[in-house]
Protein backbone atom coordinates (compact mmCIF):
# COMPACT_ATOMS: atom_id res chain seq x y z
CA UNK A 1 121.94 105.20 106.88
CA UNK A 2 118.26 104.23 107.13
CA UNK A 3 116.85 102.11 109.93
CA UNK A 4 113.65 101.18 111.73
CA UNK A 5 113.10 102.38 115.28
CA UNK A 6 111.05 99.34 116.35
CA UNK A 7 110.95 96.43 113.95
CA UNK A 8 107.57 94.65 114.20
CA UNK A 9 105.48 97.52 115.58
CA UNK A 10 107.04 99.85 113.04
CA UNK A 11 106.40 97.53 110.12
CA UNK A 12 102.78 96.99 111.13
CA UNK A 13 102.22 100.74 111.16
CA UNK A 14 104.29 101.51 108.05
CA UNK A 15 102.36 98.89 106.05
CA UNK A 16 99.35 101.22 106.31
CA UNK A 17 101.13 103.75 104.10
CA UNK A 18 100.70 101.44 101.11
CA UNK A 19 96.95 101.79 100.77
CA UNK A 20 94.93 103.37 97.96
CA UNK A 21 93.08 105.52 100.50
CA UNK A 22 96.33 107.00 101.80
CA UNK A 23 97.71 107.68 98.32
CA UNK A 24 94.40 109.15 97.23
CA UNK A 25 94.89 111.79 99.92
CA UNK A 26 98.46 112.35 98.71
CA UNK A 27 97.74 112.79 95.00
CA UNK A 28 94.27 114.36 95.13
CA UNK A 29 94.42 116.49 98.26
CA UNK A 30 98.17 117.07 98.66
CA UNK A 31 97.73 115.67 102.16
CA UNK A 32 101.01 114.06 103.24
CA UNK A 33 100.42 114.31 107.00
CA UNK A 34 99.62 110.65 107.68
CA UNK A 35 102.56 109.38 105.62
CA UNK A 36 105.01 111.93 107.02
CA UNK A 37 103.95 111.21 110.62
CA UNK A 38 104.36 107.45 110.23
CA UNK A 39 107.77 107.78 108.59
CA UNK A 40 109.07 110.22 111.19
CA UNK A 41 107.74 108.05 114.02
CA UNK A 42 109.16 104.74 112.83
CA UNK A 43 112.13 105.38 110.54
CA UNK A 44 115.57 106.91 111.16
CA UNK A 45 116.90 108.51 107.96
CA UNK A 46 119.13 111.35 106.72
CA UNK A 47 117.31 114.57 105.86
CA UNK A 48 118.81 114.48 102.37
CA UNK A 49 116.65 111.54 101.24
CA UNK A 50 113.45 111.98 99.24
CA UNK A 51 110.14 110.20 99.79
CA UNK A 52 110.72 107.67 97.00
CA UNK A 53 113.93 106.34 98.55
CA UNK A 54 112.27 106.11 101.97
CA UNK A 55 109.23 104.29 100.57
CA UNK A 56 111.45 101.86 98.65
CA UNK A 57 113.34 101.11 101.86
CA UNK A 58 110.09 100.53 103.77
CA UNK A 59 108.74 98.28 101.01
CA UNK A 60 111.92 96.20 101.08
CA UNK A 61 111.64 95.80 104.86
CA UNK A 62 108.04 94.66 104.46
CA UNK A 63 109.14 92.09 101.87
CA UNK A 64 111.78 90.75 104.25
CA UNK A 65 109.90 90.83 107.54
CA UNK A 66 106.18 91.63 107.25
CA UNK A 67 104.43 90.41 104.11
CA UNK A 68 101.23 92.46 104.29
CA UNK A 69 98.29 91.97 101.93
CA UNK A 70 99.48 94.88 99.80
CA UNK A 71 102.66 93.01 98.87
CA UNK A 72 100.57 90.14 97.53
CA UNK A 73 98.33 92.47 95.52
CA UNK A 74 101.29 94.39 94.16
CA UNK A 75 103.09 91.18 93.20
CA UNK A 76 100.01 90.04 91.28
CA UNK A 77 99.79 93.35 89.39
CA UNK A 78 103.53 93.41 88.60
CA UNK A 79 104.05 89.74 87.79
CA UNK A 80 100.68 88.76 86.32
CA UNK A 81 98.97 91.82 84.82
CA UNK A 82 102.12 93.66 83.70
CA UNK A 83 104.45 90.66 83.41
CA UNK A 84 102.75 87.46 82.26
CA UNK A 85 99.87 89.19 80.49
CA UNK A 86 99.46 92.68 79.03
CA UNK A 87 97.60 95.71 80.29
CA UNK A 88 96.38 96.23 76.72
CA UNK A 89 94.56 92.89 76.62
CA UNK A 90 93.82 92.20 80.29
CA UNK A 91 91.47 93.95 82.69
CA UNK A 92 92.02 93.72 86.46
CA UNK A 93 89.24 94.43 88.95
CA UNK A 94 90.12 94.93 92.61
CA UNK A 95 87.86 94.10 95.56
CA UNK A 96 85.12 92.66 93.34
CA UNK A 97 81.83 91.58 94.96
CA UNK A 98 80.72 88.08 93.98
CA UNK A 99 77.80 86.59 95.87
CA UNK A 100 78.35 87.53 99.50
CA UNK A 101 82.15 87.58 99.15
CA UNK A 102 84.63 90.14 97.87
CA UNK A 103 87.42 88.79 95.67
CA UNK A 104 90.80 90.43 96.15
CA UNK A 105 91.63 90.50 92.44
CA UNK A 106 89.90 89.39 89.23
CA UNK A 107 91.88 89.15 85.99
CA UNK A 108 89.94 89.06 82.73
CA UNK A 109 92.06 87.67 79.90
CA UNK A 110 90.41 85.09 77.67
CA UNK A 111 88.71 83.84 80.83
CA UNK A 112 87.89 85.12 84.31
CA UNK A 113 90.46 84.28 86.98
CA UNK A 114 90.07 85.07 90.68
CA UNK A 115 93.01 85.47 93.06
CA UNK A 116 92.03 85.30 96.73
CA UNK A 117 94.83 86.34 99.10
CA UNK A 118 95.48 84.67 102.44
CA UNK A 119 98.58 86.07 104.15
CA UNK A 120 100.31 84.46 107.10
CA UNK A 121 98.36 86.88 109.32
CA UNK A 122 94.97 85.74 107.99
CA UNK A 123 92.60 82.95 108.93
CA UNK A 124 91.21 80.37 106.50
CA UNK A 125 87.90 80.34 108.34
CA UNK A 126 85.88 82.08 105.58
CA UNK A 127 87.67 80.54 102.63
CA UNK A 128 85.21 77.71 101.92
CA UNK A 129 82.33 80.20 101.66
CA UNK A 130 84.37 82.56 99.49
CA UNK A 131 85.34 79.77 97.11
CA UNK A 132 81.74 78.53 96.88
CA UNK A 133 80.81 82.02 95.63
CA UNK A 134 83.76 82.43 93.27
CA UNK A 135 83.39 79.13 91.39
CA UNK A 136 79.88 80.20 90.36
CA UNK A 137 81.40 83.10 88.41
CA UNK A 138 85.05 82.55 87.46
CA UNK A 139 86.60 80.05 85.07
CA UNK A 140 89.50 79.54 87.48
CA UNK A 141 90.07 80.35 91.16
CA UNK A 142 93.44 80.63 92.88
CA UNK A 143 94.33 81.06 96.54
CA UNK A 144 97.51 83.13 96.83
CA UNK A 145 99.19 82.47 100.13
CA UNK A 146 102.21 82.10 102.37
CA UNK A 147 104.13 78.83 102.84
CA UNK A 148 102.39 78.57 106.24
CA UNK A 149 99.11 77.52 104.56
CA UNK A 150 100.28 75.67 101.45
CA UNK A 151 100.11 72.12 102.83
CA UNK A 152 96.71 72.68 104.44
CA UNK A 153 95.30 74.15 101.24
CA UNK A 154 96.62 71.25 99.19
CA UNK A 155 94.95 68.86 101.61
CA UNK A 156 91.66 70.77 101.94
CA UNK A 157 91.22 71.31 98.20
CA UNK A 158 92.65 68.06 96.89
CA UNK A 159 90.66 66.77 93.89
CA UNK A 160 88.90 70.14 93.44
CA UNK A 161 89.28 72.86 90.81
CA UNK A 162 91.07 75.27 93.15
CA UNK A 163 94.63 76.35 92.37
CA UNK A 164 97.29 77.44 94.87
CA UNK A 165 100.00 80.07 94.37
CA UNK A 166 102.70 80.77 96.96
CA UNK A 167 104.34 84.16 97.49
CA UNK A 168 107.84 82.89 98.25
CA UNK A 169 110.51 84.28 100.56
CA UNK A 170 112.12 85.68 97.40
CA UNK A 171 108.85 87.52 96.63
CA UNK A 172 108.13 85.52 93.50
CA UNK A 173 104.80 83.85 92.70
CA UNK A 174 105.13 80.06 92.56
CA UNK A 175 102.21 78.12 91.12
CA UNK A 176 101.99 75.13 93.46
CA UNK A 177 99.02 73.59 91.71
CA UNK A 178 97.13 74.97 88.70
CA UNK A 179 93.46 75.86 88.89
CA UNK A 180 90.97 73.92 86.79
CA UNK A 181 87.86 74.98 84.89
CA UNK A 182 84.75 75.79 87.00
CA UNK A 183 82.09 75.95 84.26
CA UNK A 184 80.01 73.16 85.82
CA UNK A 185 79.43 75.41 88.85
CA UNK A 186 78.39 78.58 86.98
CA UNK A 187 75.24 80.26 88.26
CA UNK A 188 73.09 82.80 86.39
CA UNK A 189 72.12 84.89 89.41
CA UNK A 190 75.65 85.07 90.82
CA UNK A 191 77.10 86.21 87.50
CA UNK A 192 74.19 88.59 86.80
CA UNK A 193 74.63 90.37 90.14
CA UNK A 194 78.26 91.24 89.32
CA UNK A 195 77.02 93.48 86.50
CA UNK A 196 75.99 97.11 86.71
CA UNK A 197 72.51 97.97 85.45
CA UNK A 198 73.78 99.50 82.21
CA UNK A 199 75.93 96.43 81.57
CA UNK A 200 73.12 93.89 81.84
CA UNK A 201 70.77 96.18 79.89
CA UNK A 202 73.29 96.24 77.03
CA UNK A 203 73.58 92.43 77.13
CA UNK A 204 69.80 92.10 76.89
CA UNK A 205 69.56 94.58 74.02
CA UNK A 206 72.33 92.86 72.07
CA UNK A 207 71.13 89.30 72.72
CA UNK A 208 67.33 89.63 72.59
CA UNK A 209 66.91 92.98 70.85
CA UNK A 210 64.78 94.36 73.67
CA UNK A 211 64.64 95.09 77.40
CA UNK A 212 61.67 94.10 79.64
CA UNK A 213 59.04 96.86 79.47
CA UNK A 214 58.43 97.14 83.19
CA UNK A 215 58.72 99.85 85.87
CA UNK A 216 62.22 100.52 87.24
CA UNK A 217 61.27 98.75 90.47
CA UNK A 218 60.91 95.48 88.52
CA UNK A 219 63.67 95.81 85.91
CA UNK A 220 66.24 93.85 87.94
CA UNK A 221 63.94 90.90 88.62
CA UNK A 222 62.53 90.71 85.10
CA UNK A 223 65.93 91.10 83.49
CA UNK A 224 67.29 88.22 85.56
CA UNK A 225 64.36 86.02 84.46
CA UNK A 226 65.22 86.74 80.84
CA UNK A 227 68.94 86.18 81.42
CA UNK A 228 68.21 82.77 82.94
CA UNK A 229 66.92 81.59 79.56
CA UNK A 230 70.42 81.99 78.06
CA UNK A 231 72.75 78.99 78.20
CA UNK A 232 74.88 79.47 81.33
CA UNK A 233 78.23 79.13 79.58
CA UNK A 234 77.17 81.58 76.90
CA UNK A 235 75.93 84.07 79.49
CA UNK A 236 79.18 83.81 81.46
CA UNK A 237 81.08 84.74 78.30
CA UNK A 238 78.74 87.68 77.62
CA UNK A 239 79.18 88.94 81.18
CA UNK A 240 82.94 88.44 81.00
CA UNK A 241 83.15 90.52 77.80
CA UNK A 242 81.07 93.30 79.34
CA UNK A 243 83.18 93.39 82.51
CA UNK A 244 86.33 93.47 80.42
CA UNK A 245 85.25 96.85 79.05
CA UNK A 246 86.01 98.41 82.45
CA UNK A 247 89.32 99.83 81.27
CA UNK A 248 91.69 102.36 82.81
CA UNK A 249 90.97 105.97 81.88
CA UNK A 250 94.61 107.02 82.06
CA UNK A 251 97.00 105.92 79.27
CA UNK A 252 98.76 102.64 80.06
CA UNK A 253 102.29 104.00 79.70
CA UNK A 254 101.91 105.95 82.94
CA UNK A 255 101.36 102.76 84.90
CA UNK A 256 103.75 100.58 82.92
CA UNK A 257 106.71 102.92 82.52
CA UNK A 258 106.40 105.88 84.88
CA UNK A 259 105.42 104.28 88.17
CA UNK A 260 107.84 102.68 90.68
CA UNK A 261 107.08 98.96 90.93
CA UNK A 262 106.36 99.38 94.64
CA UNK A 263 103.31 101.55 93.83
CA UNK A 264 101.82 99.93 90.74
CA UNK A 265 98.87 98.30 92.48
CA UNK A 266 97.99 101.58 94.18
CA UNK A 267 98.11 103.52 90.92
CA UNK A 268 96.06 100.87 89.09
CA UNK A 269 93.36 100.67 91.75
CA UNK A 270 93.05 104.48 91.86
CA UNK A 271 92.98 104.71 88.03
CA UNK A 272 95.08 107.85 88.33
CA UNK A 273 94.76 110.78 85.92
CA UNK A 274 97.56 112.85 84.36
CA UNK A 275 97.12 115.33 87.20
CA UNK A 276 97.30 112.56 89.81
CA UNK A 277 100.57 111.22 88.35
CA UNK A 278 102.05 114.73 88.38
CA UNK A 279 101.11 115.09 92.05
CA UNK A 280 102.52 111.64 92.81
CA UNK A 281 105.92 112.41 91.27
CA UNK A 282 106.05 115.77 93.07
CA UNK A 283 105.50 113.94 96.34
CA UNK A 284 108.06 111.22 95.57
CA UNK A 285 110.74 113.79 94.70
CA UNK A 286 110.21 115.85 97.86
CA UNK A 287 112.60 115.54 100.79
CA UNK A 288 111.17 113.23 103.44
């Protein structure tokens, strides 16, 4: 029989296991110490169980009693990227800097969609500023949240383009209100600054047939000036297509078919190699 030693304190600590940084140590350094210590400190379990069974138990307890940010991110990867859409046609970018904000998840599939997560443990204090950045870049912006904030969000963003999605008690994603098109808010500089140097250079070469002949210290400024002469909607599409090329290096079947659903967001965000997946499965099959 498996059980927690101290419900809330245990769950708060155990939630830290489900982080890309922790699993990077596991699969790339064979460093299990942090995970093993947290499990042994907070979970009672028979010695016969392997790490996968223990992690699945912990994940279930988080779903029931402590919906951390990771659960939201993992639900979006499982239900949107791998469920509603396709990993072959959709690119997801985690923790993506837009303006002075960092979007939790961007999905690129025919259009750019942003999903900003606000759990029941978060504050909405910075949300207005985040949204003002996001609508300058993305076709559609969603706030993904707990029932605690749904009514306030519906009131605060009534008659705007912002959509609201609720992560329900059953751990499904319920679209409370759909997002609307943001193209009237698009901004050249905001979109331009989401691109890497090589990406905007390629856009310039393809669109104009040349790149500004200036010293490296001025290439950013002069490139932006040139970009600002392109129709904003056309430039947003060009940037979107360039960002969409940021594909996973590892074959999709490893994420889609060979990864427990509890860990799919972690594996996607780490863009794990064949070697990483081998290390992951060795760890999961080990006795806890």
